[in-house]
Amino acid sequence: MIREGKNPNGFTLPDQEGNDVDISEYNDRYKLLSFHPLAWTSVCAKQMKALEEHYDEFEDLNTVPLGISIDPVPTKKAWADHLGLKKLKILSDFYPLGFAAKIMDVFIESKGISGRANILLDPEGNVVWAKKYDIPELPDIEGVIEAIKKVQK
């Protein structure tokens, strides 16, 4: 997994609407990159719903959460609609496969998917916090929020 202090800022991925999202566009904010292995799986759905449900809290913390997986844009769109996501952008790391996951060193080559991880970039794009989870493990959203608060002190 990428180490604290590294600066992976500047990659662009399409969101569920097919719009390109350059993460450096958010250089006035912290960026929470929430990697999940695959759409349409129960733990990944809970992970993305938790980000959506706490979106306003993230905004209060000057943080933009972004969900990321290797699924193509049409899959992300159908899944976002199914989950009822209104604010959260979920990005497609489909082509080239796992581009962002590889930058963050969370790509699982043997499975062709990303691992489950949360990576926080500061406004300059430096990694200031990162946590990897077992594939079946649901990240504790309260723990993620507390980690953001601690970094921002």
Protein backbone atom coordinates (compact mmCIF):
# COMPACT_ATOMS: atom_id res chain seq x y z
CA MET A 1 0.00 0.00 0.00
CA ILE A 2 1.17 3.52 -0.69
CA ARG A 3 3.01 5.10 2.21
CA GLU A 4 2.31 8.35 3.97
CA GLY A 5 4.19 11.25 2.45
CA LYS A 6 3.87 10.04 -1.15
CA ASN A 7 2.08 12.34 -3.61
CA PRO A 8 -0.04 10.46 -6.16
CA ASN A 9 -2.13 13.57 -6.94
CA GLY A 10 -3.14 14.22 -10.50
CA PHE A 11 -4.86 11.17 -11.95
CA THR A 12 -8.19 11.34 -13.78
CA LEU A 13 -10.94 8.70 -13.77
CA PRO A 14 -14.53 8.82 -15.06
CA ASP A 15 -17.37 8.90 -12.54
CA GLN A 16 -20.65 7.00 -12.76
CA GLU A 17 -22.01 9.64 -15.16
CA GLY A 18 -19.01 9.28 -17.48
CA ASN A 19 -17.59 12.67 -16.47
CA ASP A 20 -13.83 12.83 -16.02
CA VAL A 21 -12.81 13.58 -12.44
CA ASP A 22 -9.28 14.89 -11.99
CA ILE A 23 -8.56 14.53 -8.30
CA SER A 24 -6.26 17.55 -8.42
CA GLU A 25 -9.43 19.62 -9.05
CA TYR A 26 -10.02 19.18 -5.33
CA ASN A 27 -6.69 20.67 -4.24
CA ASP A 28 -8.50 22.99 -1.85
CA ARG A 29 -9.75 19.96 0.08
CA TYR A 30 -8.72 16.63 1.53
CA LYS A 31 -9.57 13.67 -0.71
CA LEU A 32 -10.69 10.32 0.70
CA LEU A 33 -10.04 7.62 -1.89
CA SER A 34 -12.21 4.71 -0.83
CA PHE A 35 -11.21 1.63 -2.85
CA HIS A 36 -13.60 -1.31 -3.02
CA PRO A 37 -13.14 -4.54 -5.00
CA LEU A 38 -16.35 -4.84 -7.05
CA ALA A 39 -19.75 -3.27 -7.53
CA TRP A 40 -22.85 -5.32 -6.76
CA THR A 41 -21.34 -6.99 -3.71
CA SER A 42 -22.83 -6.54 -0.26
CA VAL A 43 -19.81 -5.21 1.64
CA CYS A 44 -18.91 -2.81 -1.17
CA ALA A 45 -22.50 -1.56 -1.24
CA LYS A 46 -22.42 -0.91 2.51
CA GLN A 47 -19.06 0.87 2.15
CA MET A 48 -20.41 3.24 -0.55
CA LYS A 49 -23.72 3.81 1.27
CA ALA A 50 -21.80 4.78 4.41
CA LEU A 51 -19.86 7.39 2.42
CA GLU A 52 -23.12 8.75 0.98
CA GLU A 53 -24.84 8.82 4.38
CA HIS A 54 -21.91 10.75 5.92
CA TYR A 55 -21.30 13.00 2.90
CA ASP A 56 -22.31 16.20 4.72
CA GLU A 57 -19.98 15.30 7.59
CA PHE A 58 -17.13 14.85 5.10
CA GLU A 59 -17.94 18.26 3.62
CA ASP A 60 -17.80 19.79 7.11
CA LEU A 61 -14.30 18.28 7.37
CA ASN A 62 -13.28 19.88 4.04
CA THR A 63 -13.00 16.37 2.58
CA VAL A 64 -14.38 14.96 -0.66
CA PRO A 65 -15.00 11.20 -0.53
CA LEU A 66 -14.57 9.26 -3.78
CA GLY A 67 -15.43 5.60 -4.22
CA ILE A 68 -13.14 3.72 -6.63
CA SER A 69 -13.28 0.24 -8.17
CA ILE A 70 -12.29 -1.44 -11.43
CA ASP A 71 -15.88 -1.67 -12.71
CA PRO A 72 -16.69 0.05 -16.03
CA VAL A 73 -18.76 3.26 -16.15
CA PRO A 74 -22.09 1.63 -17.18
CA THR A 75 -21.82 -0.76 -14.21
CA LYS A 76 -20.97 2.13 -11.87
CA LYS A 77 -23.97 4.09 -13.18
CA ALA A 78 -26.44 1.22 -12.71
CA TRP A 79 -25.05 0.45 -9.27
CA ALA A 80 -25.09 4.10 -8.12
CA ASP A 81 -28.72 4.39 -9.24
CA HIS A 82 -29.58 1.12 -7.48
CA LEU A 83 -27.90 2.32 -4.25
CA GLY A 84 -29.58 5.73 -4.48
CA LEU A 85 -26.30 7.65 -4.48
CA LYS A 86 -27.05 11.35 -4.97
CA LYS A 87 -23.84 13.08 -3.84
CA LEU A 88 -21.06 10.51 -3.86
CA LYS A 89 -18.98 10.11 -7.00
CA ILE A 90 -17.90 6.55 -7.64
CA LEU A 91 -15.02 6.37 -10.07
CA SER A 92 -14.27 3.72 -12.67
CA ASP A 93 -10.70 2.41 -12.59
CA PHE A 94 -11.49 0.15 -15.56
CA TYR A 95 -9.19 1.37 -18.33
CA PRO A 96 -6.38 0.91 -18.13
CA LEU A 97 -7.43 -1.73 -15.61
CA GLY A 98 -6.53 -0.75 -12.07
CA PHE A 99 -4.55 2.36 -13.06
CA ALA A 100 -5.29 4.26 -9.82
CA ALA A 101 -5.22 1.10 -7.68
CA LYS A 102 -1.74 0.37 -9.02
CA ILE A 103 -0.57 3.92 -8.22
CA MET A 104 -1.86 3.42 -4.67
CA ASP A 105 -0.39 -0.08 -4.53
CA VAL A 106 -3.73 -1.71 -3.67
CA PHE A 107 -4.26 -3.62 -6.95
CA ILE A 108 -4.49 -7.40 -6.58
CA GLU A 109 -2.94 -8.59 -9.84
CA SER A 110 -3.96 -12.24 -9.43
CA LYS A 111 -7.64 -11.28 -9.13
CA GLY A 112 -7.74 -8.22 -11.40
CA ILE A 113 -9.37 -6.08 -8.69
CA SER A 114 -8.38 -3.53 -6.12
CA GLY A 115 -8.17 -4.41 -2.50
CA ARG A 116 -10.32 -2.63 0.05
CA ALA A 117 -8.61 0.50 1.36
CA ASN A 118 -9.15 4.09 2.43
CA ILE A 119 -6.44 6.57 1.51
CA LEU A 120 -6.56 10.22 2.59
CA LEU A 121 -4.74 12.87 0.59
CA ASP A 122 -4.21 16.36 1.96
CA PRO A 123 -5.05 19.42 -0.19
CA GLU A 124 -1.57 19.26 -1.76
CA GLY A 125 -2.12 15.62 -2.71
CA ASN A 126 0.17 14.00 -0.15
CA VAL A 127 -0.91 10.73 1.49
CA VAL A 128 -1.54 11.62 5.14
CA TRP A 129 -3.40 8.49 6.25
CA ALA A 130 -4.09 5.08 4.76
CA LYS A 131 -5.68 1.88 5.94
CA LYS A 132 -6.02 -1.45 4.16
CA TYR A 133 -8.81 -3.90 5.03
CA ASP A 134 -9.40 -7.57 4.39
CA ILE A 135 -11.67 -8.04 1.36
CA PRO A 136 -14.70 -9.18 3.44
CA GLU A 137 -14.16 -6.43 6.08
CA LEU A 138 -16.43 -3.38 6.09
CA PRO A 139 -14.45 -0.24 6.92
CA ASP A 140 -15.65 1.43 10.11
CA ILE A 141 -16.93 4.78 8.83
CA GLU A 142 -16.67 6.34 12.29
CA GLY A 143 -13.03 5.25 12.48
CA VAL A 144 -12.38 6.82 9.08
CA ILE A 145 -13.97 10.10 10.19
CA GLU A 146 -11.96 10.08 13.41
CA ALA A 147 -8.75 9.50 11.43
CA ILE A 148 -9.57 12.52 9.24
CA LYS A 149 -10.19 14.68 12.31
CA LYS A 150 -6.92 13.53 13.87
CA VAL A 151 -4.93 14.34 10.71
CA GLN A 152 -6.51 17.80 10.51
CA LYS A 153 -5.61 18.79 14.10
